[in-house]
N, C-alpha and C. Protein backbone atom coordinates (compact mmCIF):
# COMPACT_ATOMS: atom_id res chain seq x y z
N MET A 1 33.16 -23.54 35.33
CA MET A 1 31.93 -23.46 35.88
C MET A 1 31.36 -21.98 35.53
N ALA A 2 32.18 -21.14 35.65
CA ALA A 2 31.48 -19.77 35.23
C ALA A 2 31.14 -19.88 33.62
N ASP A 3 31.83 -20.49 32.94
CA ASP A 3 31.49 -20.44 31.37
C ASP A 3 30.03 -21.17 31.24
N GLU A 4 29.68 -22.29 32.06
CA GLU A 4 28.45 -22.94 31.95
C GLU A 4 27.37 -21.96 32.39
N HIS A 5 27.75 -21.34 33.48
CA HIS A 5 26.74 -20.34 34.12
C HIS A 5 26.37 -19.34 33.18
N GLU A 6 27.47 -18.83 32.37
CA GLU A 6 27.12 -17.62 31.30
C GLU A 6 26.36 -18.13 30.26
N ALA A 7 26.67 -19.42 29.85
CA ALA A 7 25.96 -19.92 28.59
C ALA A 7 24.50 -20.26 29.05
N GLY A 8 24.19 -20.70 30.26
CA GLY A 8 22.97 -20.88 30.69
C GLY A 8 22.12 -19.72 30.74
N SER A 9 22.83 -18.46 31.17
CA SER A 9 22.20 -17.31 31.28
C SER A 9 21.93 -16.68 29.91
N VAL A 10 22.77 -16.87 28.85
CA VAL A 10 22.57 -16.41 27.45
C VAL A 10 21.35 -17.36 26.99
N VAL A 11 21.28 -18.53 27.02
CA VAL A 11 20.19 -19.41 26.68
C VAL A 11 18.89 -18.80 27.27
N GLY A 12 18.94 -18.65 28.67
CA GLY A 12 17.74 -18.18 29.28
C GLY A 12 17.25 -16.95 28.71
N ARG A 13 18.12 -15.81 28.55
CA ARG A 13 17.69 -14.59 27.96
C ARG A 13 17.31 -14.84 26.59
N ALA A 14 17.89 -15.66 25.76
CA ALA A 14 17.38 -15.82 24.30
C ALA A 14 15.89 -16.41 24.44
N MET A 15 15.65 -17.37 25.36
CA MET A 15 14.41 -18.10 25.45
C MET A 15 13.29 -16.93 25.93
N GLU A 16 13.73 -16.02 26.73
CA GLU A 16 12.80 -15.00 27.20
C GLU A 16 12.46 -14.00 25.96
N THR A 17 13.41 -13.82 25.16
CA THR A 17 13.27 -13.04 24.04
C THR A 17 12.28 -13.51 23.14
N LEU A 18 12.67 -14.86 22.89
CA LEU A 18 11.86 -15.73 21.82
C LEU A 18 10.37 -15.66 22.33
N SER A 19 10.14 -16.04 23.63
CA SER A 19 8.67 -16.08 24.21
C SER A 19 8.16 -14.73 23.94
N ALA A 20 8.85 -13.52 24.28
CA ALA A 20 8.07 -12.26 24.12
C ALA A 20 7.87 -12.10 22.62
N LEU A 21 8.64 -12.50 21.73
CA LEU A 21 8.33 -12.31 20.43
C LEU A 21 7.23 -13.06 19.84
N LEU A 22 7.11 -14.34 20.34
CA LEU A 22 5.93 -15.16 20.00
C LEU A 22 4.75 -14.66 20.45
N ARG A 23 4.82 -14.00 21.80
CA ARG A 23 3.58 -13.42 22.25
C ARG A 23 3.02 -12.26 21.37
N LEU A 24 3.94 -11.34 21.03
CA LEU A 24 3.86 -10.28 20.21
C LEU A 24 3.10 -10.61 18.70
N ALA A 25 3.81 -11.71 18.18
CA ALA A 25 3.38 -12.19 16.91
C ALA A 25 1.88 -12.73 17.07
N GLY A 26 1.55 -13.39 18.15
CA GLY A 26 0.32 -14.00 18.37
C GLY A 26 -0.75 -12.77 18.41
N GLY A 27 -0.35 -11.70 19.24
CA GLY A 27 -1.33 -10.70 19.33
C GLY A 27 -1.39 -9.97 17.99
N ALA A 28 -0.54 -9.83 17.19
CA ALA A 28 -0.65 -9.35 15.95
C ALA A 28 -1.50 -10.16 14.99
N ILE A 29 -1.41 -11.58 15.15
CA ILE A 29 -2.15 -12.26 14.36
C ILE A 29 -3.66 -12.22 14.77
N ALA A 30 -3.88 -12.14 15.99
CA ALA A 30 -5.28 -12.02 16.58
C ALA A 30 -5.91 -10.64 16.28
N ASN A 31 -5.09 -9.49 16.29
CA ASN A 31 -5.51 -8.24 15.95
C ASN A 31 -5.84 -8.38 14.43
N THR A 32 -5.02 -8.95 13.53
CA THR A 32 -5.20 -8.94 12.11
C THR A 32 -6.66 -9.75 11.85
N ARG A 33 -6.73 -10.84 12.42
CA ARG A 33 -7.88 -11.60 12.27
C ARG A 33 -9.04 -10.83 12.63
N GLU A 34 -9.19 -10.26 13.70
CA GLU A 34 -10.28 -9.30 14.17
C GLU A 34 -10.62 -8.24 13.17
N THR A 35 -9.33 -7.69 12.64
CA THR A 35 -9.69 -6.62 11.56
C THR A 35 -10.17 -7.01 10.09
N VAL A 36 -9.83 -8.19 9.77
CA VAL A 36 -10.29 -8.57 8.50
C VAL A 36 -11.60 -9.58 8.52
N ALA A 37 -12.20 -9.89 9.82
CA ALA A 37 -13.23 -10.63 10.01
C ALA A 37 -14.54 -10.01 9.32
N GLY A 38 -14.69 -8.83 9.29
CA GLY A 38 -15.77 -8.22 8.65
C GLY A 38 -15.69 -8.00 7.27
N LEU A 39 -14.53 -8.06 6.68
CA LEU A 39 -14.37 -7.36 5.32
C LEU A 39 -15.03 -8.42 4.20
N GLU A 40 -15.65 -7.92 3.24
CA GLU A 40 -16.33 -8.79 2.21
C GLU A 40 -15.75 -8.40 0.83
N VAL A 41 -15.59 -9.23 0.07
CA VAL A 41 -15.01 -9.26 -1.25
C VAL A 41 -16.23 -8.71 -2.15
N GLY A 42 -15.98 -7.66 -2.79
CA GLY A 42 -17.06 -7.24 -3.80
C GLY A 42 -17.08 -8.15 -5.05
N HIS A 43 -18.41 -8.10 -5.57
CA HIS A 43 -18.54 -8.91 -6.73
C HIS A 43 -18.21 -8.24 -7.98
N ARG A 44 -18.05 -6.89 -7.93
CA ARG A 44 -17.90 -5.94 -9.10
C ARG A 44 -16.49 -6.35 -9.54
N GLY A 45 -16.22 -6.41 -10.79
CA GLY A 45 -14.89 -6.65 -11.30
C GLY A 45 -14.01 -5.38 -11.38
N HIS A 46 -12.73 -5.50 -11.57
CA HIS A 46 -11.81 -4.51 -11.66
C HIS A 46 -12.07 -3.59 -12.89
N GLY A 47 -12.69 -4.25 -13.89
CA GLY A 47 -13.00 -3.27 -15.08
C GLY A 47 -14.19 -2.41 -14.76
N GLN A 48 -15.01 -2.87 -13.90
CA GLN A 48 -16.17 -1.86 -13.65
C GLN A 48 -15.69 -0.79 -12.87
N ASP A 49 -14.53 -1.22 -11.77
CA ASP A 49 -14.09 -0.07 -10.95
C ASP A 49 -13.38 1.03 -11.72
N LEU A 50 -12.63 0.52 -12.85
CA LEU A 50 -12.02 1.43 -13.61
C LEU A 50 -12.86 2.25 -14.40
N GLU A 51 -13.94 1.74 -14.93
CA GLU A 51 -14.94 2.36 -15.63
C GLU A 51 -15.75 3.38 -14.79
N LEU A 52 -16.06 2.94 -13.53
CA LEU A 52 -16.49 4.03 -12.57
C LEU A 52 -15.97 5.08 -12.30
N THR A 53 -14.58 4.96 -12.19
CA THR A 53 -13.60 6.05 -11.85
C THR A 53 -13.00 6.74 -13.03
N GLY A 54 -13.32 6.41 -14.22
CA GLY A 54 -12.75 6.90 -15.41
C GLY A 54 -11.26 6.73 -15.62
N GLY A 55 -10.88 5.76 -14.90
CA GLY A 55 -9.31 5.19 -15.00
C GLY A 55 -8.58 5.75 -13.94
N ILE A 56 -9.17 6.66 -12.89
CA ILE A 56 -8.38 7.30 -11.99
C ILE A 56 -7.68 6.27 -11.01
N LEU A 57 -8.09 5.15 -10.82
CA LEU A 57 -7.58 4.06 -10.09
C LEU A 57 -5.95 3.87 -10.53
N LEU A 58 -5.72 4.15 -11.74
CA LEU A 58 -4.48 3.93 -12.19
C LEU A 58 -3.48 5.15 -11.90
N SER A 59 -3.91 6.13 -11.43
CA SER A 59 -3.09 7.26 -11.32
C SER A 59 -1.74 7.12 -10.61
N GLU A 60 -1.70 6.29 -9.56
CA GLU A 60 -0.33 6.11 -8.83
C GLU A 60 0.60 5.40 -9.90
N ARG A 61 0.26 4.54 -10.56
CA ARG A 61 1.01 3.82 -11.60
C ARG A 61 1.43 4.80 -12.67
N VAL A 62 0.65 5.71 -13.05
CA VAL A 62 1.00 6.68 -14.00
C VAL A 62 2.08 7.70 -13.53
N VAL A 63 1.94 8.08 -12.12
CA VAL A 63 3.03 8.90 -11.57
C VAL A 63 4.24 8.16 -11.68
N LEU A 64 4.34 6.91 -11.27
CA LEU A 64 5.58 6.11 -11.23
C LEU A 64 6.16 5.98 -12.74
N ALA A 65 5.38 5.91 -13.76
CA ALA A 65 5.81 5.77 -15.04
C ALA A 65 6.35 7.20 -15.53
N LEU A 66 5.82 8.33 -15.23
CA LEU A 66 6.17 9.59 -15.53
C LEU A 66 7.41 10.17 -14.95
N ALA A 67 7.51 9.76 -13.61
CA ALA A 67 8.51 10.22 -12.82
C ALA A 67 9.95 10.32 -13.19
N PRO A 68 10.40 9.23 -13.89
CA PRO A 68 11.77 9.17 -14.30
C PRO A 68 12.09 10.26 -15.35
N LYS A 69 11.06 10.81 -16.12
CA LYS A 69 11.27 11.76 -17.33
C LYS A 69 11.15 13.15 -16.74
N SER A 70 9.98 13.31 -15.90
CA SER A 70 9.58 14.71 -15.49
C SER A 70 10.01 14.99 -13.95
N GLY A 71 10.22 13.92 -13.27
CA GLY A 71 10.54 14.29 -11.75
C GLY A 71 9.16 13.82 -11.11
N ARG A 72 9.34 13.44 -9.86
CA ARG A 72 8.22 12.98 -9.18
C ARG A 72 7.08 14.08 -8.91
N ALA A 73 7.67 15.15 -8.64
CA ALA A 73 6.63 16.23 -8.23
C ALA A 73 6.01 16.74 -9.47
N GLU A 74 6.54 16.93 -10.62
CA GLU A 74 6.00 17.39 -11.85
C GLU A 74 4.92 16.19 -12.22
N ALA A 75 5.41 15.03 -12.16
CA ALA A 75 4.44 13.88 -12.49
C ALA A 75 3.18 13.92 -11.56
N THR A 76 3.33 14.10 -10.27
CA THR A 76 2.31 14.08 -9.39
C THR A 76 1.47 15.22 -9.70
N ARG A 77 1.96 16.38 -10.02
CA ARG A 77 1.10 17.52 -10.38
C ARG A 77 0.27 17.33 -11.61
N ALA A 78 0.84 16.89 -12.56
CA ALA A 78 0.26 16.63 -13.95
C ALA A 78 -0.92 15.66 -13.63
N VAL A 79 -0.58 14.37 -12.96
CA VAL A 79 -1.66 13.44 -12.73
C VAL A 79 -2.81 13.92 -11.94
N ARG A 80 -2.46 14.70 -10.87
CA ARG A 80 -3.43 15.33 -9.98
C ARG A 80 -4.36 16.20 -10.76
N GLU A 81 -3.84 17.06 -11.61
CA GLU A 81 -4.46 17.85 -12.36
C GLU A 81 -5.42 17.21 -13.35
N ALA A 82 -4.93 15.99 -14.12
CA ALA A 82 -5.67 15.36 -15.01
C ALA A 82 -6.81 14.66 -14.24
N ALA A 83 -6.61 14.28 -13.01
CA ALA A 83 -7.77 13.48 -12.29
C ALA A 83 -8.74 14.35 -11.92
N VAL A 84 -8.33 15.73 -11.54
CA VAL A 84 -9.44 16.72 -11.27
C VAL A 84 -10.11 17.11 -12.46
N ARG A 85 -9.64 17.28 -13.61
CA ARG A 85 -10.40 17.52 -14.70
C ARG A 85 -11.19 16.37 -15.14
N CYS A 86 -10.76 15.12 -14.90
CA CYS A 86 -11.56 13.98 -15.26
C CYS A 86 -12.74 13.89 -14.56
N GLN A 87 -12.68 13.99 -13.25
CA GLN A 87 -13.88 14.09 -12.31
C GLN A 87 -14.83 15.18 -12.63
N ALA A 88 -14.19 16.24 -13.13
CA ALA A 88 -15.12 17.44 -13.42
C ALA A 88 -15.93 17.27 -14.59
N SER A 89 -15.30 16.67 -15.69
CA SER A 89 -15.85 16.58 -17.07
C SER A 89 -16.56 15.20 -17.01
N GLY A 90 -16.14 14.22 -16.30
CA GLY A 90 -16.70 12.80 -16.42
C GLY A 90 -16.17 12.15 -17.54
N GLY A 91 -14.92 12.73 -18.20
CA GLY A 91 -14.39 11.99 -19.21
C GLY A 91 -13.31 10.99 -18.68
N ALA A 92 -12.72 10.41 -19.59
CA ALA A 92 -11.62 9.46 -19.31
C ALA A 92 -10.28 10.00 -18.82
N PHE A 93 -9.78 9.39 -17.85
CA PHE A 93 -8.60 9.76 -17.29
C PHE A 93 -7.42 9.89 -18.40
N ILE A 94 -7.40 8.79 -19.08
CA ILE A 94 -6.40 8.91 -20.13
C ILE A 94 -6.47 10.00 -21.02
N ASP A 95 -7.64 10.50 -21.49
CA ASP A 95 -7.94 11.54 -22.30
C ASP A 95 -7.44 12.72 -21.78
N GLU A 96 -7.70 12.89 -20.45
CA GLU A 96 -7.22 14.14 -19.80
C GLU A 96 -5.66 14.17 -19.58
N LEU A 97 -5.04 12.97 -19.36
CA LEU A 97 -3.72 12.89 -19.39
C LEU A 97 -2.97 13.33 -20.59
N LEU A 98 -3.64 12.79 -21.77
CA LEU A 98 -3.09 13.09 -23.16
C LEU A 98 -3.27 14.56 -23.49
N ASP A 99 -4.36 15.17 -22.92
CA ASP A 99 -4.63 16.54 -23.17
C ASP A 99 -3.73 17.56 -22.53
N ASP A 100 -2.99 17.08 -21.50
CA ASP A 100 -2.10 17.88 -20.71
C ASP A 100 -0.89 18.34 -21.56
N PRO A 101 -0.82 19.68 -21.59
CA PRO A 101 0.34 20.12 -22.58
C PRO A 101 1.64 20.10 -22.14
N THR A 102 1.80 19.79 -20.75
CA THR A 102 3.07 19.74 -20.07
C THR A 102 3.76 18.52 -20.27
């Protein structure tokens, strides 16, 4: 009889936990829906975005590519400095990266 009571208690706690998790998930879904409701997809293509930024949108990917050889800190520094020069000169990000002597 005690085993049946314990089993019922375990099942009851599991159901309470599952119910709480479902409430949390439902709340998260509702919050997500509210957050994205006003978002609009731009009509400008990725190529135009790259062109507008001189290619700086790729900076994180460049850091990841450089990090194994030069270390994350050095790769971040080099990419940051190239991005600053790119914005100042209006030139292409790739040109600034290639001009970096380090």
